[in-house]
Each structure stands twice: as C-alpha cells, then as structure tokens.
C-alpha cells in the first residue's frame, strides 16, 4: 500500500511511511481532485490492528474533511464489514455480493 500511494501521487517511491496514520495524512495532503481510494482485505487489516478503524475515522474527520475522496473498503466477509464498520455509525453503503448471471 505504502509504495502504491507514493507512486500514484508523486510518480516515485520516496520512503516508507512510519505508520498508517502518516499514510492517511499524506493522502489528505496530496488529494486535489476527486479520488477513489480502495482498501482491499479490510477485515484482515483490522484483525491485525483494530486501531486502524480509529485512525481511518480520524483521517476522514480531519485531513480528508474537505477532500473529494470516495473511500471503498473491500473484504470477503459481509458480516465482518457490516459489524465492524456499521457499528461505528459511519455513513457508508455496503454492496452485497450478487451472483453472476
């Protein structure tokens, strides 16, 4: 994730972020236009480090507040996404998996 973020905004990899909080802050400073940020495997990330939810919420409330960021959180477990994200009363929509037709 860290390398991809810097390559997207700066077209080069500078140095690893010290923390996820630094990465979220960096995104807030760099976003100028409408930007989609996709975080895949979110349930595994918060299982490894539950504080990521709070760090992400802080970024949304502060450094991303007046930015046009479309955040997409992906994960294989709808129940985990629903329980872990919706329990915070965050304004979001959950797309339920649909069978292929």
PDB file of N, CA and C in Angstrom:
ATOM      1  N   UNK A   1       0.824  -1.189   0.000  1.00  0.00           N
ATOM      2  CA  UNK A   1       0.000   0.000   0.000  1.00  0.00           C
ATOM      3  C   UNK A   1       0.870   1.256   0.000  1.00  0.00           C
ATOM      4  N   UNK A   2       1.876   1.276   0.834  1.00  0.00           N
ATOM      5  CA  UNK A   2       2.668   2.484   1.019  1.00  0.00           C
ATOM      6  C   UNK A   2       3.341   2.927  -0.277  1.00  0.00           C
ATOM      7  N   UNK A   3       3.900   1.974  -0.975  1.00  0.00           N
ATOM      8  CA  UNK A   3       4.604   2.294  -2.206  1.00  0.00           C
ATOM      9  C   UNK A   3       3.626   2.762  -3.285  1.00  0.00           C
ATOM     10  N   UNK A   4       2.493   2.105  -3.376  1.00  0.00           N
ATOM     11  CA  UNK A   4       1.484   2.444  -4.379  1.00  0.00           C
ATOM     12  C   UNK A   4       0.972   3.872  -4.195  1.00  0.00           C
ATOM     13  N   UNK A   5       0.763   4.288  -2.961  1.00  0.00           N
ATOM     14  CA  UNK A   5       0.263   5.634  -2.684  1.00  0.00           C
ATOM     15  C   UNK A   5       1.246   6.678  -3.193  1.00  0.00           C
ATOM     16  N   UNK A   6       2.517   6.511  -2.867  1.00  0.00           N
ATOM     17  CA  UNK A   6       3.524   7.482  -3.291  1.00  0.00           C
ATOM     18  C   UNK A   6       3.722   7.469  -4.801  1.00  0.00           C
ATOM     19  N   UNK A   7       3.691   6.301  -5.406  1.00  0.00           N
ATOM     20  CA  UNK A   7       3.824   6.233  -6.859  1.00  0.00           C
ATOM     21  C   UNK A   7       2.661   6.941  -7.548  1.00  0.00           C
ATOM     22  N   UNK A   8       1.467   6.807  -6.990  1.00  0.00           N
ATOM     23  CA  UNK A   8       0.303   7.460  -7.579  1.00  0.00           C
ATOM     24  C   UNK A   8       0.431   8.985  -7.527  1.00  0.00           C
ATOM     25  N   UNK A   9       0.741   9.515  -6.369  1.00  0.00           N
ATOM     26  CA  UNK A   9       0.759  10.965  -6.204  1.00  0.00           C
ATOM     27  C   UNK A   9       2.059  11.635  -6.657  1.00  0.00           C
ATOM     28  N   UNK A  10       3.196  10.991  -6.432  1.00  0.00           N
ATOM     29  CA  UNK A  10       4.486  11.620  -6.712  1.00  0.00           C
ATOM     30  C   UNK A  10       5.251  10.983  -7.873  1.00  0.00           C
ATOM     31  N   UNK A  11       4.706   9.905  -8.422  1.00  0.00           N
ATOM     32  CA  UNK A  11       5.343   9.192  -9.545  1.00  0.00           C
ATOM     33  C   UNK A  11       6.706   8.604  -9.169  1.00  0.00           C
ATOM     34  N   UNK A  12       6.980   8.520  -7.884  1.00  0.00           N
ATOM     35  CA  UNK A  12       8.207   7.895  -7.410  1.00  0.00           C
ATOM     36  C   UNK A  12       8.020   7.434  -5.967  1.00  0.00           C
ATOM     37  N   UNK A  13       8.809   6.453  -5.570  1.00  0.00           N
ATOM     38  CA  UNK A  13       8.781   5.973  -4.187  1.00  0.00           C
ATOM     39  C   UNK A  13       9.863   6.713  -3.427  1.00  0.00           C
ATOM     40  N   UNK A  14       9.479   7.405  -2.372  1.00  0.00           N
ATOM     41  CA  UNK A  14      10.418   8.224  -1.623  1.00  0.00           C
ATOM     42  C   UNK A  14      10.956   7.442  -0.422  1.00  0.00           C
ATOM     43  N   UNK A  15      10.089   7.141   0.499  1.00  0.00           N
ATOM     44  CA  UNK A  15      10.469   6.395   1.698  1.00  0.00           C
ATOM     45  C   UNK A  15       9.209   5.781   2.308  1.00  0.00           C
ATOM     46  N   UNK A  16       9.339   4.678   3.020  1.00  0.00           N
ATOM     47  CA  UNK A  16       8.148   4.098   3.657  1.00  0.00           C
ATOM     48  C   UNK A  16       7.551   5.052   4.688  1.00  0.00           C
ATOM     49  N   UNK A  17       6.237   4.992   4.838  1.00  0.00           N
ATOM     50  CA  UNK A  17       5.579   5.763   5.881  1.00  0.00           C
ATOM     51  C   UNK A  17       5.913   5.124   7.227  1.00  0.00           C
ATOM     52  N   UNK A  18       5.989   5.933   8.255  1.00  0.00           N
ATOM     53  CA  UNK A  18       6.277   5.412   9.590  1.00  0.00           C
ATOM     54  C   UNK A  18       5.076   4.676  10.162  1.00  0.00           C
ATOM     55  N   UNK A  19       3.883   5.070   9.718  1.00  0.00           N
ATOM     56  CA  UNK A  19       2.659   4.469  10.250  1.00  0.00           C
ATOM     57  C   UNK A  19       1.529   4.611   9.232  1.00  0.00           C
ATOM     58  N   UNK A  20       0.428   3.908   9.503  1.00  0.00           N
ATOM     59  CA  UNK A  20      -0.764   4.063   8.653  1.00  0.00           C
ATOM     60  C   UNK A  20      -1.327   5.464   8.806  1.00  0.00           C
ATOM     61  N   UNK A  21      -1.214   6.015  10.004  1.00  0.00           N
ATOM     62  CA  UNK A  21      -1.687   7.378  10.247  1.00  0.00           C
ATOM     63  C   UNK A  21      -0.953   8.365   9.332  1.00  0.00           C
ATOM     64  N   UNK A  22       0.352   8.178   9.178  1.00  0.00           N
ATOM     65  CA  UNK A  22       1.129   9.032   8.271  1.00  0.00           C
ATOM     66  C   UNK A  22       0.667   8.856   6.823  1.00  0.00           C
ATOM     67  N   UNK A  23       0.355   7.617   6.455  1.00  0.00           N
ATOM     68  CA  UNK A  23      -0.119   7.347   5.090  1.00  0.00           C
ATOM     69  C   UNK A  23      -1.464   8.040   4.848  1.00  0.00           C
ATOM     70  N   UNK A  24      -2.384   7.950   5.800  1.00  0.00           N
ATOM     71  CA  UNK A  24      -3.689   8.585   5.648  1.00  0.00           C
ATOM     72  C   UNK A  24      -3.551  10.108   5.584  1.00  0.00           C
ATOM     73  N   UNK A  25      -2.666  10.664   6.391  1.00  0.00           N
ATOM     74  CA  UNK A  25      -2.422  12.107   6.381  1.00  0.00           C
ATOM     75  C   UNK A  25      -1.821  12.547   5.045  1.00  0.00           C
ATOM     76  N   UNK A  26      -0.885  11.773   4.538  1.00  0.00           N
ATOM     77  CA  UNK A  26      -0.245  12.043   3.240  1.00  0.00           C
ATOM     78  C   UNK A  26      -1.302  12.101   2.132  1.00  0.00           C
ATOM     79  N   UNK A  27      -2.224  11.143   2.160  1.00  0.00           N
ATOM     80  CA  UNK A  27      -3.301  11.119   1.169  1.00  0.00           C
ATOM     81  C   UNK A  27      -4.114  12.409   1.262  1.00  0.00           C
ATOM     82  N   UNK A  28      -4.455  12.816   2.480  1.00  0.00           N
ATOM     83  CA  UNK A  28      -5.221  14.046   2.678  1.00  0.00           C
ATOM     84  C   UNK A  28      -4.515  15.275   2.126  1.00  0.00           C
ATOM     85  N   UNK A  29      -3.210  15.323   2.256  1.00  0.00           N
ATOM     86  CA  UNK A  29      -2.450  16.466   1.749  1.00  0.00           C
ATOM     87  C   UNK A  29      -2.295  16.442   0.231  1.00  0.00           C
ATOM     88  N   UNK A  30      -2.258  15.258  -0.354  1.00  0.00           N
ATOM     89  CA  UNK A  30      -1.983  15.134  -1.779  1.00  0.00           C
ATOM     90  C   UNK A  30      -3.220  15.196  -2.676  1.00  0.00           C
ATOM     91  N   UNK A  31      -4.370  14.786  -2.169  1.00  0.00           N
ATOM     92  CA  UNK A  31      -5.577  14.742  -2.998  1.00  0.00           C
ATOM     93  C   UNK A  31      -5.986  16.154  -3.410  1.00  0.00           C
ATOM     94  N   UNK A  32      -6.123  16.354  -4.705  1.00  0.00           N
ATOM     95  CA  UNK A  32      -6.573  17.637  -5.253  1.00  0.00           C
ATOM     96  C   UNK A  32      -7.912  17.473  -5.974  1.00  0.00           C
ATOM     97  N   UNK A  33      -8.045  16.402  -6.718  1.00  0.00           N
ATOM     98  CA  UNK A  33      -9.250  16.128  -7.495  1.00  0.00           C
ATOM     99  C   UNK A  33     -10.014  14.974  -6.861  1.00  0.00           C
ATOM    100  N   UNK A  34     -11.168  14.679  -7.429  1.00  0.00           N
ATOM    101  CA  UNK A  34     -11.945  13.537  -6.952  1.00  0.00           C
ATOM    102  C   UNK A  34     -11.068  12.290  -7.057  1.00  0.00           C
ATOM    103  N   UNK A  35     -10.977  11.571  -5.961  1.00  0.00           N
ATOM    104  CA  UNK A  35     -10.090  10.416  -5.881  1.00  0.00           C
ATOM    105  C   UNK A  35     -10.813   9.241  -5.243  1.00  0.00           C
ATOM    106  N   UNK A  36     -10.693   8.077  -5.857  1.00  0.00           N
ATOM    107  CA  UNK A  36     -11.217   6.847  -5.270  1.00  0.00           C
ATOM    108  C   UNK A  36     -10.070   6.151  -4.557  1.00  0.00           C
ATOM    109  N   UNK A  37     -10.267   5.859  -3.293  1.00  0.00           N
ATOM    110  CA  UNK A  37      -9.285   5.128  -2.503  1.00  0.00           C
ATOM    111  C   UNK A  37      -9.897   3.783  -2.158  1.00  0.00           C
ATOM    112  N   UNK A  38      -9.265   2.724  -2.617  1.00  0.00           N
ATOM    113  CA  UNK A  38      -9.782   1.378  -2.397  1.00  0.00           C
ATOM    114  C   UNK A  38      -8.849   0.644  -1.449  1.00  0.00           C
ATOM    115  N   UNK A  39      -9.388   0.195  -0.344  1.00  0.00           N
ATOM    116  CA  UNK A  39      -8.619  -0.593   0.615  1.00  0.00           C
ATOM    117  C   UNK A  39      -9.188  -1.996   0.593  1.00  0.00           C
ATOM    118  N   UNK A  40      -8.415  -2.928   0.063  1.00  0.00           N
ATOM    119  CA  UNK A  40      -8.851  -4.315  -0.051  1.00  0.00           C
ATOM    120  C   UNK A  40      -8.456  -5.087   1.205  1.00  0.00           C
ATOM    121  N   UNK A  41      -9.183  -6.158   1.456  1.00  0.00           N
ATOM    122  CA  UNK A  41      -8.923  -7.041   2.600  1.00  0.00           C
ATOM    123  C   UNK A  41      -9.008  -6.285   3.933  1.00  0.00           C
ATOM    124  N   UNK A  42      -9.925  -5.344   4.010  1.00  0.00           N
ATOM    125  CA  UNK A  42     -10.059  -4.532   5.217  1.00  0.00           C
ATOM    126  C   UNK A  42     -10.287  -5.358   6.488  1.00  0.00           C
ATOM    127  N   UNK A  43     -11.097  -6.421   6.458  1.00  0.00           N
ATOM    128  CA  UNK A  43     -11.268  -7.211   7.691  1.00  0.00           C
ATOM    129  C   UNK A  43      -9.951  -7.782   8.219  1.00  0.00           C
ATOM    130  N   UNK A  44      -9.066  -8.189   7.314  1.00  0.00           N
ATOM    131  CA  UNK A  44      -7.782  -8.736   7.755  1.00  0.00           C
ATOM    132  C   UNK A  44      -6.896  -7.642   8.348  1.00  0.00           C
ATOM    133  N   UNK A  45      -6.991  -6.441   7.785  1.00  0.00           N
ATOM    134  CA  UNK A  45      -6.207  -5.316   8.299  1.00  0.00           C
ATOM    135  C   UNK A  45      -6.635  -4.973   9.721  1.00  0.00           C
ATOM    136  N   UNK A  46      -7.958  -4.892   9.955  1.00  0.00           N
ATOM    137  CA  UNK A  46      -8.417  -4.527  11.300  1.00  0.00           C
ATOM    138  C   UNK A  46      -8.289  -5.686  12.284  1.00  0.00           C
ATOM    139  N   UNK A  47      -8.239  -6.901  11.768  1.00  0.00           N
ATOM    140  CA  UNK A  47      -7.992  -8.040  12.655  1.00  0.00           C
ATOM    141  C   UNK A  47      -6.555  -7.972  13.172  1.00  0.00           C
ATOM    142  N   UNK A  48      -5.641  -7.599  12.298  1.00  0.00           N
ATOM    143  CA  UNK A  48      -4.232  -7.473  12.667  1.00  0.00           C
ATOM    144  C   UNK A  48      -4.005  -6.277  13.587  1.00  0.00           C
ATOM    145  N   UNK A  49      -4.746  -5.189  13.317  1.00  0.00           N
ATOM    146  CA  UNK A  49      -4.567  -3.961  14.096  1.00  0.00           C
ATOM    147  C   UNK A  49      -5.905  -3.224  14.185  1.00  0.00           C
ATOM    148  N   UNK A  50      -6.701  -3.492  15.233  1.00  0.00           N
ATOM    149  CA  UNK A  50      -8.029  -2.873  15.362  1.00  0.00           C
ATOM    150  C   UNK A  50      -8.017  -1.346  15.392  1.00  0.00           C
ATOM    151  N   UNK A  51      -6.893  -0.749  15.751  1.00  0.00           N
ATOM    152  CA  UNK A  51      -6.833   0.716  15.829  1.00  0.00           C
ATOM    153  C   UNK A  51      -6.911   1.376  14.454  1.00  0.00           C
ATOM    154  N   UNK A  52      -6.769   0.601  13.387  1.00  0.00           N
ATOM    155  CA  UNK A  52      -6.849   1.166  12.035  1.00  0.00           C
ATOM    156  C   UNK A  52      -8.209   1.819  11.805  1.00  0.00           C
ATOM    157  N   UNK A  53      -9.271   1.254  12.381  1.00  0.00           N
ATOM    158  CA  UNK A  53     -10.597   1.868  12.240  1.00  0.00           C
ATOM    159  C   UNK A  53     -10.597   3.286  12.792  1.00  0.00           C
ATOM    160  N   UNK A  54     -10.024   3.470  13.957  1.00  0.00           N
ATOM    161  CA  UNK A  54      -9.971   4.798  14.577  1.00  0.00           C
ATOM    162  C   UNK A  54      -9.072   5.742  13.786  1.00  0.00           C
ATOM    163  N   UNK A  55      -7.939   5.239  13.303  1.00  0.00           N
ATOM    164  CA  UNK A  55      -7.032   6.064  12.512  1.00  0.00           C
ATOM    165  C   UNK A  55      -7.704   6.529  11.227  1.00  0.00           C
ATOM    166  N   UNK A  56      -8.432   5.611  10.599  1.00  0.00           N
ATOM    167  CA  UNK A  56      -9.135   5.944   9.362  1.00  0.00           C
ATOM    168  C   UNK A  56     -10.243   6.952   9.637  1.00  0.00           C
ATOM    169  N   UNK A  57     -10.991   6.757  10.710  1.00  0.00           N
ATOM    170  CA  UNK A  57     -12.060   7.695  11.065  1.00  0.00           C
ATOM    171  C   UNK A  57     -11.480   9.076  11.358  1.00  0.00           C
ATOM    172  N   UNK A  58     -10.346   9.128  12.028  1.00  0.00           N
ATOM    173  CA  UNK A  58      -9.699  10.411  12.325  1.00  0.00           C
ATOM    174  C   UNK A  58      -9.287  11.109  11.032  1.00  0.00           C
ATOM    175  N   UNK A  59      -8.727  10.356  10.094  1.00  0.00           N
ATOM    176  CA  UNK A  59      -8.342  10.942   8.797  1.00  0.00           C
ATOM    177  C   UNK A  59      -9.568  11.484   8.071  1.00  0.00           C
ATOM    178  N   UNK A  60     -10.650  10.721   8.062  1.00  0.00           N
ATOM    179  CA  UNK A  60     -11.884  11.147   7.397  1.00  0.00           C
ATOM    180  C   UNK A  60     -12.414  12.435   8.034  1.00  0.00           C
ATOM    181  N   UNK A  61     -12.373  12.497   9.354  1.00  0.00           N
ATOM    182  CA  UNK A  61     -12.908  13.660  10.077  1.00  0.00           C
ATOM    183  C   UNK A  61     -12.012  14.890  10.006  1.00  0.00           C
ATOM    184  N   UNK A  62     -10.725  14.701   9.742  1.00  0.00           N
ATOM    185  CA  UNK A  62      -9.793  15.830   9.790  1.00  0.00           C
ATOM    186  C   UNK A  62      -9.103  16.091   8.455  1.00  0.00           C
ATOM    187  N   UNK A  63      -8.082  15.314   8.118  1.00  0.00           N
ATOM    188  CA  UNK A  63      -7.300  15.643   6.918  1.00  0.00           C
ATOM    189  C   UNK A  63      -8.050  15.377   5.612  1.00  0.00           C
ATOM    190  N   UNK A  64      -9.094  14.566   5.643  1.00  0.00           N
ATOM    191  CA  UNK A  64      -9.875  14.311   4.424  1.00  0.00           C
ATOM    192  C   UNK A  64     -11.180  15.099   4.420  1.00  0.00           C
ATOM    193  N   UNK A  65     -11.421  15.878   5.440  1.00  0.00           N
ATOM    194  CA  UNK A  65     -12.722  16.521   5.651  1.00  0.00           C
ATOM    195  C   UNK A  65     -13.244  17.291   4.433  1.00  0.00           C
ATOM    196  N   UNK A  66     -12.443  18.098   3.824  1.00  0.00           N
ATOM    197  CA  UNK A  66     -12.882  18.902   2.683  1.00  0.00           C
ATOM    198  C   UNK A  66     -12.324  18.386   1.366  1.00  0.00           C
ATOM    199  N   UNK A  67     -11.991  17.114   1.337  1.00  0.00           N
ATOM    200  CA  UNK A  67     -11.451  16.490   0.129  1.00  0.00           C
ATOM    201  C   UNK A  67     -12.543  15.661  -0.537  1.00  0.00           C
ATOM    202  N   UNK A  68     -12.398  15.479  -1.816  1.00  0.00           N
ATOM    203  CA  UNK A  68     -13.368  14.698  -2.568  1.00  0.00           C
ATOM    204  C   UNK A  68     -12.839  13.271  -2.720  1.00  0.00           C
ATOM    205  N   UNK A  69     -12.844  12.548  -1.588  1.00  0.00           N
ATOM    206  CA  UNK A  69     -12.322  11.181  -1.556  1.00  0.00           C
ATOM    207  C   UNK A  69     -13.498  10.212  -1.462  1.00  0.00           C
ATOM    208  N   UNK A  70     -13.523   9.287  -2.384  1.00  0.00           N
ATOM    209  CA  UNK A  70     -14.535   8.235  -2.412  1.00  0.00           C
ATOM    210  C   UNK A  70     -13.857   6.985  -1.871  1.00  0.00           C
ATOM    211  N   UNK A  71     -14.145   6.625  -0.624  1.00  0.00           N
ATOM    212  CA  UNK A  71     -13.484   5.517   0.051  1.00  0.00           C
ATOM    213  C   UNK A  71     -14.261   4.226  -0.163  1.00  0.00           C
ATOM    214  N   UNK A  72     -13.557   3.216  -0.626  1.00  0.00           N
ATOM    215  CA  UNK A  72     -14.159   1.898  -0.838  1.00  0.00           C
ATOM    216  C   UNK A  72     -13.392   0.895   0.015  1.00  0.00           C
ATOM    217  N   UNK A  73     -14.088   0.284   0.959  1.00  0.00           N
ATOM    218  CA  UNK A  73     -13.487  -0.742   1.804  1.00  0.00           C
ATOM    219  C   UNK A  73     -13.993  -2.093   1.318  1.00  0.00           C
ATOM    220  N   UNK A  74     -13.074  -2.979   1.009  1.00  0.00           N
ATOM    221  CA  UNK A  74     -13.439  -4.297   0.471  1.00  0.00           C
ATOM    222  C   UNK A  74     -13.030  -5.386   1.447  1.00  0.00           C
ATOM    223  N   UNK A  75     -13.784  -6.466   1.400  1.00  0.00           N
ATOM    224  CA  UNK A  75     -13.450  -7.614   2.227  1.00  0.00           C
ATOM    225  C   UNK A  75     -14.318  -8.792   1.871  1.00  0.00           C
ATOM    226  N   UNK A  76     -13.834  -9.980   2.153  1.00  0.00           N
ATOM    227  CA  UNK A  76     -14.565 -11.181   1.762  1.00  0.00           C
ATOM    228  C   UNK A  76     -15.767 -11.491   2.641  1.00  0.00           C
ATOM    229  N   UNK A  77     -15.824 -10.928   3.832  1.00  0.00           N
ATOM    230  CA  UNK A  77     -16.890 -11.256   4.769  1.00  0.00           C
ATOM    231  C   UNK A  77     -17.841 -10.074   4.941  1.00  0.00           C
ATOM    232  N   UNK A  78     -19.043 -10.204   4.397  1.00  0.00           N
ATOM    233  CA  UNK A  78     -20.031  -9.141   4.521  1.00  0.00           C
ATOM    234  C   UNK A  78     -20.378  -8.918   5.990  1.00  0.00           C
ATOM    235  N   UNK A  79     -20.470  -9.988   6.769  1.00  0.00           N
ATOM    236  CA  UNK A  79     -20.842  -9.829   8.183  1.00  0.00           C
ATOM    237  C   UNK A  79     -19.773  -9.064   8.948  1.00  0.00           C
ATOM    238  N   UNK A  80     -18.506  -9.326   8.670  1.00  0.00           N
ATOM    239  CA  UNK A  80     -17.442  -8.590   9.353  1.00  0.00           C
ATOM    240  C   UNK A  80     -17.493  -7.130   8.940  1.00  0.00           C
ATOM    241  N   UNK A  81     -17.649  -6.874   7.656  1.00  0.00           N
ATOM    242  CA  UNK A  81     -17.714  -5.495   7.184  1.00  0.00           C
ATOM    243  C   UNK A  81     -18.898  -4.776   7.829  1.00  0.00           C
ATOM    244  N   UNK A  82     -20.041  -5.440   7.859  1.00  0.00           N
ATOM    245  CA  UNK A  82     -21.239  -4.827   8.424  1.00  0.00           C
ATOM    246  C   UNK A  82     -21.085  -4.583   9.924  1.00  0.00           C
ATOM    247  N   UNK A  83     -20.599  -5.569  10.649  1.00  0.00           N
ATOM    248  CA  UNK A  83     -20.469  -5.447  12.101  1.00  0.00           C
ATOM    249  C   UNK A  83     -19.360  -4.481  12.507  1.00  0.00           C
ATOM    250  N   UNK A  84     -18.242  -4.546  11.826  1.00  0.00           N
ATOM    251  CA  UNK A  84     -17.095  -3.713  12.208  1.00  0.00           C
ATOM    252  C   UNK A  84     -17.225  -2.271  11.733  1.00  0.00           C
ATOM    253  N   UNK A  85     -17.824  -2.067  10.589  1.00  0.00           N
ATOM    254  CA  UNK A  85     -17.925  -0.717  10.044  1.00  0.00           C
ATOM    255  C   UNK A  85     -19.216  -0.048  10.488  1.00  0.00           C
ATOM    256  N   UNK A  86     -20.315  -0.725  10.347  1.00  0.00           N
ATOM    257  CA  UNK A  86     -21.602  -0.125  10.655  1.00  0.00           C
ATOM    258  C   UNK A  86     -21.795   0.089  12.163  1.00  0.00           C
ATOM    259  N   UNK A  87     -21.075  -0.670  12.988  1.00  0.00           N
ATOM    260  CA  UNK A  87     -21.214  -0.466  14.428  1.00  0.00           C
ATOM    261  C   UNK A  87     -20.769   0.924  14.836  1.00  0.00           C
ATOM    262  N   UNK A  88     -19.909   1.533  14.032  1.00  0.00           N
ATOM    263  CA  UNK A  88     -19.404   2.866  14.336  1.00  0.00           C
ATOM    264  C   UNK A  88     -20.380   3.952  13.882  1.00  0.00           C
ATOM    265  N   UNK A  89     -21.490   3.560  13.264  1.00  0.00           N
ATOM    266  CA  UNK A  89     -22.468   4.509  12.746  1.00  0.00           C
ATOM    267  C   UNK A  89     -21.855   5.434  11.694  1.00  0.00           C
ATOM    268  N   UNK A  90     -20.954   4.865  10.923  1.00  0.00           N
ATOM    269  CA  UNK A  90     -20.299   5.614   9.853  1.00  0.00           C
ATOM    270  C   UNK A  90     -21.257   5.689   8.673  1.00  0.00           C
ATOM    271  N   UNK A  91     -21.240   6.807   7.978  1.00  0.00           N
ATOM    272  CA  UNK A  91     -22.089   6.954   6.808  1.00  0.00           C
ATOM    273  C   UNK A  91     -21.453   6.205   5.644  1.00  0.00           C
ATOM    274  N   UNK A  92     -21.974   5.025   5.363  1.00  0.00           N
ATOM    275  CA  UNK A  92     -21.433   4.257   4.251  1.00  0.00           C
ATOM    276  C   UNK A  92     -22.508   3.332   3.708  1.00  0.00           C
ATOM    277  N   UNK A  93     -22.224   2.821   2.553  1.00  0.00           N
ATOM    278  CA  UNK A  93     -23.123   1.865   1.923  1.00  0.00           C
ATOM    279  C   UNK A  93     -22.360   0.563   1.767  1.00  0.00           C
ATOM    280  N   UNK A  94     -23.033  -0.532   1.954  1.00  0.00           N
ATOM    281  CA  UNK A  94     -22.405  -1.831   1.770  1.00  0.00           C
ATOM    282  C   UNK A  94     -23.060  -2.487   0.561  1.00  0.00           C
ATOM    283  N   UNK A  95     -22.226  -2.841  -0.386  1.00  0.00           N
ATOM    284  CA  UNK A  95     -22.715  -3.556  -1.563  1.00  0.00           C
ATOM    285  C   UNK A  95     -22.657  -5.038  -1.249  1.00  0.00           C
ATOM    286  N   UNK A  96     -23.800  -5.673  -1.278  1.00  0.00           N
ATOM    287  CA  UNK A  96     -23.845  -7.103  -1.003  1.00  0.00           C
ATOM    288  C   UNK A  96     -23.445  -7.871  -2.253  1.00  0.00           C
ATOM    289  N   UNK A  97     -22.728  -8.965  -2.064  1.00  0.00           N
ATOM    290  CA  UNK A  97     -22.321  -9.755  -3.239  1.00  0.00           C
ATOM    291  C   UNK A  97     -23.543 -10.242  -4.003  1.00  0.00           C
ATOM    292  N   UNK A  98     -23.464 -10.184  -5.289  1.00  0.00           N
ATOM    293  CA  UNK A  98     -24.548 -10.645  -6.151  1.00  0.00           C
ATOM    294  C   UNK A  98     -24.050 -11.821  -6.985  1.00  0.00           C
ATOM    295  N   UNK A  99     -24.897 -12.814  -7.190  1.00  0.00           N
ATOM    296  CA  UNK A  99     -24.467 -13.954  -8.004  1.00  0.00           C
ATOM    297  C   UNK A  99     -24.304 -13.543  -9.469  1.00  0.00           C
ATOM    298  N   UNK A 100     -23.352 -14.187 -10.132  1.00  0.00           N
ATOM    299  CA  UNK A 100     -23.147 -13.951 -11.561  1.00  0.00           C
ATOM    300  C   UNK A 100     -24.332 -14.493 -12.330  1.00  0.00           C
ATOM    301  N   UNK A 101     -24.780 -13.774 -13.297  1.00  0.00           N
ATOM    302  CA  UNK A 101     -25.923 -14.231 -14.117  1.00  0.00           C
ATOM    303  C   UNK A 101     -25.450 -14.540 -15.500  1.00  0.00           C
TER     304      UNK A 101
END
